[in-house]
Protein backbone atom coordinates (compact mmCIF):
# COMPACT_ATOMS: atom_id res chain seq x y z
CA MET A 1 0.00 0.00 0.00
CA LYS A 2 1.05 3.60 -0.35
CA LYS A 3 2.43 4.85 2.94
CA LEU A 4 2.96 8.46 4.13
CA ALA A 5 6.56 9.44 4.75
CA ALA A 6 8.77 12.62 5.67
CA LEU A 7 -4.95 19.88 -10.38
CA PHE A 8 -8.49 28.32 -20.26
CA SER A 9 -11.14 29.41 -20.98
CA THR A 10 -14.36 30.86 -19.62
CA ALA A 11 -16.25 30.15 -22.83
CA LEU A 12 -19.02 27.56 -22.70
CA VAL A 13 -18.03 24.22 -24.12
CA ALA A 14 -20.19 21.63 -25.80
CA GLY A 15 -22.20 19.76 -23.23
CA ALA A 16 -21.42 22.24 -20.45
CA THR A 17 -23.99 23.40 -17.96
CA THR A 18 -24.19 26.49 -15.82
CA CYS A 19 -23.04 26.55 -12.22
CA TYR A 20 -24.63 28.78 -9.59
CA PHE A 21 -22.96 29.23 -6.23
CA PRO A 22 -25.36 29.30 -3.26
CA GLY A 23 -25.22 32.52 -1.28
CA SER A 24 -23.74 34.58 -4.11
CA VAL A 25 -24.70 35.83 -7.53
CA LEU A 26 -21.95 35.83 -10.09
CA ALA A 27 -21.70 38.73 -12.48
CA GLU A 28 -21.25 36.16 -15.22
CA GLU A 29 -22.49 32.60 -15.54
CA ILE A 30 -19.76 30.04 -14.90
CA ALA A 31 -19.68 26.97 -17.14
CA THR A 32 -19.21 23.52 -15.70
CA ILE A 33 -17.45 20.71 -17.52
CA SER A 34 -17.95 16.96 -17.62
CA GLU A 35 -14.87 15.56 -19.31
CA ASN A 36 -12.91 12.34 -19.07
CA GLY A 37 -9.18 12.85 -18.86
CA PHE A 38 -9.46 16.39 -17.50
CA VAL A 39 -6.07 15.76 -15.90
CA GLN A 40 -3.82 13.55 -18.03
CA GLY A 41 -0.15 12.80 -18.28
CA THR A 42 2.74 11.24 -16.43
CA MET A 43 5.03 11.64 -13.47
CA GLU A 44 8.25 9.70 -13.00
CA ILE A 45 9.93 9.56 -9.60
CA ASP A 46 13.53 8.60 -8.88
CA PHE A 47 13.88 8.08 -5.12
CA GLY A 48 17.59 8.89 -4.99
CA THR A 49 17.46 9.13 -1.21
CA ARG A 50 16.70 5.40 -1.12
CA ARG A 51 19.19 4.39 -3.80
CA SER A 52 22.10 6.13 -2.08
CA LEU A 53 22.51 5.76 1.68
CA ASP A 54 25.15 7.27 3.95
CA THR A 55 28.32 5.20 4.27
CA THR A 56 30.46 7.72 6.19
CA GLY A 57 28.98 7.02 9.61
CA LYS A 58 28.55 10.76 10.20
CA LEU A 59 24.74 10.61 9.94
CA ILE A 60 22.07 8.65 11.80
CA GLU A 61 22.11 5.02 10.65
CA GLY A 62 19.98 4.46 7.55
CA SER A 63 20.13 8.11 6.47
CA PRO A 64 20.28 9.10 2.81
CA ALA A 65 23.72 10.14 1.64
CA GLU A 66 24.56 13.84 1.57
CA GLY A 67 23.66 15.26 -1.84
CA SER A 68 21.05 12.60 -2.59
CA LYS A 69 17.62 13.79 -3.78
CA ASP A 70 14.23 12.50 -4.87
CA VAL A 71 13.33 13.85 -8.30
CA TYR A 72 9.71 14.02 -9.54
CA LYS A 73 9.59 14.55 -13.32
CA VAL A 74 6.21 16.05 -14.26
CA ASN A 75 4.48 16.13 -17.66
CA LEU A 76 0.78 16.85 -17.13
CA ASN A 77 -2.04 18.40 -19.16
CA VAL A 78 -5.04 20.00 -17.45
CA ALA A 79 -8.25 20.82 -19.33
CA LYS A 80 -6.42 20.23 -22.65
CA THR A 81 -5.30 23.89 -22.62
CA THR A 82 -2.75 24.05 -19.80
CA GLU A 83 0.50 22.11 -19.53
CA TYR A 84 2.87 21.57 -16.63
CA ALA A 85 6.32 20.15 -17.46
CA GLY A 86 9.43 20.11 -15.30
CA THR A 87 10.74 18.79 -12.01
CA ILE A 88 10.08 18.85 -8.29
CA THR A 89 13.09 17.99 -6.16
CA ARG A 90 12.86 16.71 -2.60
CA GLU A 91 15.86 17.14 -0.33
CA PRO A 92 15.74 15.17 2.96
CA ARG A 93 16.52 16.32 6.48
CA LEU A 94 19.89 14.94 7.56
CA VAL A 95 20.93 14.64 11.20
CA SER A 96 24.39 13.94 12.61
CA ARG A 97 24.84 10.62 14.41
CA VAL A 98 26.80 11.83 17.43
CA LEU A 99 25.41 15.28 18.31
CA GLY A 100 21.98 14.97 16.68
CA ARG A 101 22.36 18.33 14.96
CA THR A 102 20.69 19.14 11.66
CA VAL A 103 23.18 18.85 8.82
CA GLN A 104 20.63 19.59 6.08
CA ASP A 105 17.07 20.93 6.27
CA ALA A 106 14.30 19.22 4.32
CA ARG A 107 12.59 21.02 1.46
CA LEU A 108 10.84 20.67 -1.89
CA VAL A 109 12.00 22.78 -4.84
CA TYR A 110 9.68 23.39 -7.83
CA ASP A 111 10.91 24.10 -11.36
CA ILE A 112 7.92 23.48 -13.63
CA GLY A 113 7.39 25.17 -16.98
CA LEU A 114 3.88 26.46 -17.71
CA ALA A 115 2.39 26.48 -21.20
CA VAL A 116 -1.06 27.14 -22.65
CA ARG A 117 -2.74 25.94 -25.81
CA ASN A 118 -5.16 27.98 -27.87
CA PRO A 119 -8.70 26.70 -27.04
CA LYS A 120 -9.67 27.46 -30.67
CA ASP A 121 -6.69 25.56 -32.11
CA LEU A 122 -4.99 23.11 -29.74
CA THR A 123 -2.00 22.77 -32.07
CA GLN A 124 -0.97 26.30 -31.05
CA LYS A 125 1.09 26.38 -27.87
CA LYS A 126 2.90 29.12 -25.96
CA GLN A 127 5.13 29.09 -22.89
CA VAL A 128 3.77 31.58 -20.35
CA GLY A 129 6.00 31.22 -17.31
CA LYS A 130 7.13 28.90 -14.52
CA TRP A 131 5.95 27.40 -11.25
CA VAL A 132 9.07 27.87 -9.13
CA GLY A 133 10.39 28.15 -5.60
CA PRO A 134 10.77 26.11 -2.41
CA ILE A 135 8.62 24.65 0.32
CA THR A 136 10.56 24.18 3.54
CA ILE A 137 9.77 21.28 5.90
CA ASP A 138 10.68 21.64 9.57
CA ASN A 139 11.62 18.97 12.09
CA SER A 140 7.96 18.55 13.13
CA GLY A 141 6.75 17.80 9.59
CA VAL A 142 5.32 21.28 8.95
CA TYR A 143 5.38 22.42 5.32
CA ASP A 144 5.99 26.18 5.30
CA PHE A 145 5.25 28.06 2.07
CA GLY A 146 6.85 31.30 3.22
CA GLY A 147 5.31 34.68 3.77
CA GLY A 148 6.33 37.37 1.34
CA SER A 149 9.69 37.30 -0.41
CA GLN A 150 9.16 36.55 -4.11
CA GLY A 151 12.74 35.42 -4.45
CA SER A 152 12.36 32.59 -1.95
CA GLN A 153 8.67 31.71 -2.08
CA LEU A 154 6.76 29.16 -4.12
CA ARG A 155 5.01 31.08 -6.90
CA MET A 156 3.59 31.04 -10.40
CA ALA A 157 5.70 33.59 -12.27
CA ILE A 158 3.74 34.46 -15.40
CA ASP A 159 5.25 36.45 -18.26
CA SER A 160 3.54 38.99 -20.50
CA VAL A 161 2.51 37.02 -23.60
CA GLY A 162 0.27 38.47 -26.31
CA LYS A 163 -2.49 40.46 -24.63
CA ALA A 164 -2.05 38.58 -21.35
CA ALA A 165 -0.36 40.69 -18.67
CA ALA A 166 2.47 39.47 -16.47
CA PHE A 167 1.72 38.62 -12.84
CA THR A 168 3.05 36.61 -9.91
CA GLY A 169 0.81 34.19 -8.00
CA LEU A 170 2.35 33.65 -4.57
CA PHE A 171 1.74 30.56 -2.44
CA SER A 172 1.73 30.89 1.34
CA GLY A 173 0.45 29.26 4.53
CA LYS A 174 1.26 25.91 6.07
CA ILE A 175 0.53 22.20 5.88
CA TYR A 176 0.92 20.23 9.08
CA GLY A 177 2.13 16.78 8.17
CA LYS A 178 3.26 13.78 10.16
CA SER A 179 5.97 14.27 12.74
CA PRO A 180 8.54 11.44 12.52
CA GLU A 181 8.40 11.04 16.30
CA LYS A 182 4.66 10.20 16.18
CA LYS A 183 4.95 7.17 13.94
CA GLY A 184 3.33 4.14 15.54
CA LEU A 185 1.47 6.16 18.16
CA LEU A 186 -1.80 6.47 16.28
CA SER A 187 -3.18 2.93 16.38
CA ASP A 188 -5.36 3.44 19.47
CA LYS A 189 -7.35 6.25 17.90
CA ILE A 190 -10.50 5.37 15.93
CA THR A 191 -11.69 7.91 13.37
CA GLU A 192 -15.13 7.63 11.79
CA TYR A 193 -15.97 8.97 8.32
CA THR A 194 -19.51 9.28 6.98
CA ARG A 195 -21.22 10.13 3.71
CA MET A 196 -24.78 9.99 2.40
CA VAL A 197 -25.62 7.40 -0.27
CA LYS A 198 -29.18 7.41 -1.65
CA GLY A 199 -30.31 9.23 1.46
CA LYS A 200 -28.68 6.65 3.76
CA LYS A 201 -25.64 7.19 5.93
CA ALA A 202 -22.57 5.14 4.96
CA VAL A 203 -19.88 4.85 7.63
CA ILE A 204 -16.29 3.65 7.57
CA LYS A 205 -13.91 3.50 10.53
CA ALA A 206 -10.12 3.79 10.49
CA THR A 207 -7.86 2.98 13.43
CA ASN A 208 -4.46 4.24 12.28
CA VAL A 209 -5.00 7.65 10.68
CA ASP A 210 -2.55 10.48 10.16
CA PRO A 211 -3.80 13.88 8.91
CA LEU A 212 -2.45 16.42 6.51
CA ARG A 213 -3.90 19.65 7.90
CA PHE A 214 -4.14 22.71 5.65
CA VAL A 215 -3.99 25.98 7.56
CA ALA A 216 -4.59 29.17 5.55
CA LEU A 217 -2.82 27.50 2.65
CA THR A 218 -2.90 29.95 -0.25
CA LEU A 219 -2.73 28.56 -3.80
CA GLY A 220 -1.25 31.23 -6.04
CA GLU A 221 -3.11 32.73 -8.99
CA GLY A 222 -2.34 31.20 -12.37
CA PRO A 223 -1.33 29.96 -14.80
CA ALA A 224 -4.04 32.21 -16.31
CA GLN A 225 -5.93 34.91 -14.43
CA ILE A 226 -9.19 32.94 -14.55
CA TYR A 227 -7.60 30.68 -11.90
CA PRO A 228 -7.67 32.97 -8.85
CA ARG A 229 -5.79 33.08 -5.58
CA THR A 230 -7.45 30.45 -3.36
CA VAL A 231 -7.26 29.84 0.40
CA VAL A 232 -7.53 26.23 1.61
CA ASN A 233 -8.33 24.92 5.09
CA GLY A 234 -9.20 21.42 6.28
CA ASN A 235 -7.84 17.89 6.58
CA LEU A 236 -6.90 15.09 4.22
CA ASP A 237 -6.36 12.03 6.40
CA TYR A 238 -4.18 9.04 5.57
CA ASP A 239 -5.08 5.52 6.73
CA TYR A 240 -1.91 3.48 7.22
CA GLU A 241 -3.73 0.15 7.23
CA THR A 242 -5.43 0.54 3.83
CA GLY A 243 -3.42 3.25 2.06
CA ASN A 244 -6.64 5.25 1.59
CA TRP A 245 -7.08 9.01 2.01
CA TYR A 246 -10.25 10.46 3.57
CA THR A 247 -11.58 13.94 4.07
CA ASN A 248 -14.42 15.20 6.23
CA GLY A 249 -14.18 18.47 4.36
CA ILE A 250 -11.58 20.68 2.66
CA ARG A 251 -12.73 24.27 2.09
CA PHE A 252 -11.55 26.30 -0.92
CA LYS A 253 -12.29 30.05 -0.79
CA TYR A 254 -11.73 32.34 -3.78
CA THR A 255 -13.33 35.07 -5.88
CA VAL A 256 -14.74 34.74 -9.41
CA ASN A 257 -16.24 37.65 -11.34
CA GLY A 258 -16.32 39.75 -8.19
CA ALA A 259 -18.27 37.18 -6.14
CA ASP A 260 -16.92 35.19 -3.20
CA VAL A 261 -17.05 31.42 -3.64
CA GLU A 262 -16.57 28.61 -1.14
CA ASP A 263 -16.33 24.97 -2.18
CA LEU A 264 -16.53 22.15 0.35
CA VAL A 265 -14.76 19.01 -0.90
CA THR A 266 -15.58 15.67 0.73
CA GLY A 267 -14.96 12.04 -0.14
CA SER A 268 -12.12 9.60 -0.49
CA ILE A 269 -9.12 8.49 -2.51
CA LYS A 270 -8.88 4.70 -2.38
CA TRP A 271 -5.63 2.77 -2.81
CA VAL A 272 -6.09 -0.47 -4.78
CA GLU A 273 -3.21 -2.87 -5.31
CA ASP A 274 -2.83 -5.18 -8.27
CA SER A 275 -3.07 -8.85 -7.29
CA ASN A 276 0.49 -9.30 -8.63
CA ARG A 277 1.93 -6.10 -7.12
CA GLU A 278 4.88 -7.92 -5.55
CA SER A 279 6.13 -8.82 -9.03
CA ASN A 280 4.78 -6.03 -11.25
CA GLY A 281 4.74 -3.10 -8.81
CA LYS A 282 1.26 -1.98 -9.90
CA GLY A 283 -1.41 -0.19 -7.90
CA GLN A 284 -3.66 2.85 -8.25
CA TYR A 285 -5.46 5.63 -6.45
CA GLU A 286 -9.19 5.75 -7.25
CA PHE A 287 -10.55 9.28 -6.80
CA ASN A 288 -14.04 9.91 -5.46
CA LEU A 289 -13.94 13.55 -4.32
CA ARG A 290 -17.22 15.47 -4.27
CA PHE A 291 -17.84 19.23 -4.38
CA ASN A 292 -20.55 20.80 -2.24
CA GLU A 293 -22.18 17.41 -1.75
CA GLU A 294 -24.85 18.56 0.69
CA LYS A 295 -26.00 21.46 -1.51
CA ASN A 296 -26.05 19.36 -4.68
CA LYS A 297 -27.74 16.22 -3.40
CA THR A 298 -30.87 15.11 -5.24
CA PRO A 299 -34.07 15.59 -3.20
CA SER A 300 -35.72 12.29 -2.36
CA ASP A 301 -39.17 11.44 -3.74
CA GLU A 302 -41.95 9.20 -2.41
CA ALA A 303 -40.05 6.07 -3.43
CA ALA A 304 -37.35 6.81 -0.84
CA ALA A 305 -39.72 5.68 1.92
CA PHE A 306 -39.72 2.18 0.39
CA ASP A 307 -35.95 1.99 -0.25
CA SER A 308 -34.15 0.04 2.45
CA GLY A 309 -30.74 0.92 1.01
CA ALA A 310 -29.80 -2.75 1.23
CA ASP A 311 -28.21 -2.81 -2.22
CA LEU A 312 -25.09 -1.05 -0.93
CA GLN A 313 -23.56 -1.82 2.45
CA GLY A 314 -20.43 -0.95 4.42
CA GLU A 315 -17.27 -0.13 2.46
CA GLU A 316 -19.03 -0.75 -0.89
CA ALA A 317 -21.49 2.02 -0.06
CA PHE A 318 -18.86 4.43 1.23
CA PHE A 319 -16.73 4.21 -1.92
CA SER A 320 -19.63 4.16 -4.41
CA PHE A 321 -19.84 6.87 -7.09
CA ASP A 322 -22.68 9.33 -7.57
CA ASP A 323 -22.45 11.19 -10.88
CA SER A 324 -25.36 13.46 -9.94
CA ILE A 325 -22.97 15.38 -7.68
CA PRO A 326 -20.08 17.53 -8.98
CA SER A 327 -16.97 15.41 -8.49
CA MET A 328 -13.45 14.48 -9.50
CA THR A 329 -13.10 10.79 -10.28
CA GLY A 330 -10.69 8.60 -12.22
CA THR A 331 -7.32 7.10 -11.37
CA ILE A 332 -3.67 7.80 -10.73
CA SER A 333 -1.89 4.54 -11.61
CA TYR A 334 1.54 3.40 -10.35
CA GLU A 335 4.15 1.00 -11.63
CA ASP A 336 6.75 0.89 -8.86
CA GLU A 337 10.31 -0.41 -8.86
CA PHE A 338 11.33 -2.14 -5.64
CA GLY A 339 14.73 -2.07 -3.99
CA ALA A 340 16.21 -4.52 -1.53
CA PRO A 341 14.82 -4.53 2.02
CA SER A 342 16.94 -2.48 4.43
CA GLY A 343 16.52 -4.95 7.32
CA ASP A 344 15.41 -8.48 8.17
CA ASP A 345 11.83 -7.41 8.92
CA GLU A 346 11.58 -4.62 6.34
CA GLU A 347 9.45 -4.76 3.20
CA PRO A 348 11.21 -3.83 -0.07
CA SER A 349 11.28 -0.07 -0.51
CA VAL A 350 10.10 1.70 -3.65
CA ILE A 351 13.09 3.27 -5.41
CA GLY A 352 11.27 4.46 -8.52
CA SER A 353 7.74 5.04 -9.80
CA LYS A 354 6.13 5.49 -13.20
CA ILE A 355 2.78 7.21 -12.69
CA THR A 356 -0.10 7.80 -15.11
CA TYR A 357 -2.82 10.41 -14.41
CA ASN A 358 -6.32 9.91 -15.81
CA LEU A 359 -8.72 12.04 -13.75
CA HIS A 360 -12.24 12.98 -14.83
CA ALA A 361 -14.18 16.17 -14.13
CA ASN A 362 -17.91 15.71 -13.55
CA LYS A 363 -19.97 18.95 -13.54
CA LEU A 364 -17.01 20.98 -12.29
CA THR A 365 -15.94 24.50 -13.13
CA LYS A 366 -12.38 24.92 -14.34
CA GLN A 367 -11.60 26.80 -11.15
CA GLN A 368 -12.77 23.91 -8.98
CA ALA A 369 -10.82 21.30 -10.91
CA VAL A 370 -7.60 23.34 -11.17
CA ASN A 371 -7.71 24.20 -7.46
CA LEU A 372 -7.87 20.51 -6.63
CA PHE A 373 -5.01 19.80 -9.05
CA LYS A 374 -2.82 22.48 -7.48
CA LEU A 375 -3.50 21.14 -4.00
CA TRP A 376 -2.54 17.62 -5.07
CA MET A 377 0.69 18.93 -6.57
CA VAL A 378 1.83 20.70 -3.39
CA ILE A 379 1.42 17.48 -1.39
CA VAL A 380 3.40 15.50 -3.93
CA GLY A 381 5.77 14.23 -1.23
CA PRO A 382 3.26 12.71 1.22
CA THR A 383 0.99 11.28 -1.48
CA ASN A 384 3.79 9.46 -3.31
CA ASP A 385 6.09 8.20 -0.56
CA GLU A 386 5.83 4.50 0.24
């Protein structure tokens, strides 16, 4: 299973519907999109920190060697009109063996080129800027996006191209991840997750859960100005026993056409292993994330009184799909390369991954889908470590 360590145009498209946001009236109608393969492409990961371990004896036993890095090579297309291509580099925290002092701080460094394609002619492509900068990770597992300096802060740096003006979309805020010292201390806690399926409550319980907590996390504007600055709060929880991710609600707040918008994202991301994973390294995340589920649920009719809900029970009910609700579904598929176990009782570690994205937008606005994509990209470390 996957284990936690250390997502251009406002024009209506064919088949699109109109989205209204409760509590606000947009100056302009916002189109929603139902499209398979809304996020497509590949990511390749070389876990250099697992291929090269310290042999000097200067660092804590089992530490990566100084200078080793994990490299995530990204080549992704979002909404057919926006492309992300480049690298994310993860540098590990290194600690001296004798004094326990920090020799190297942990961080992620982004260097991703941004390009757009002409919605009227997808063969036309232009580079518009870069997604660049670091995310520092402290000793407690807190991801810090910085607070102001453009030279040292994660950002979308967009150039002036054609009639499009230049701008900089700064990221800020924090993500509270797992502290290494807490590993193994979570098994006594039972967390319950619920969702409504055909008017019935579906419940699943997890006993070994670790949260990623988003605190005033700001996703920078870009790569086009129709994708606004967005503030994210909430939890995405990881279940060590199953490899699944759950959320009781992640809130995205932003402004479109002068109106304030808040999206509440609920649901799950299920980890499913191939029956021959030990030999072929295959497995996949199955997305089932829903937007504003409570506000978009279908009102029940008279027949609901005669529906026992017996057709779906337990886990089957919790992970079932409901295409009547705006959602992001589809898969992120893995083909992992295993290295030798590091100890007698250790499972083989993953030293490389080939990943294929095939995520589908169902009745989503571009802003909703791209916000979710951006969030997934800034937690690229936790969601891909084994």
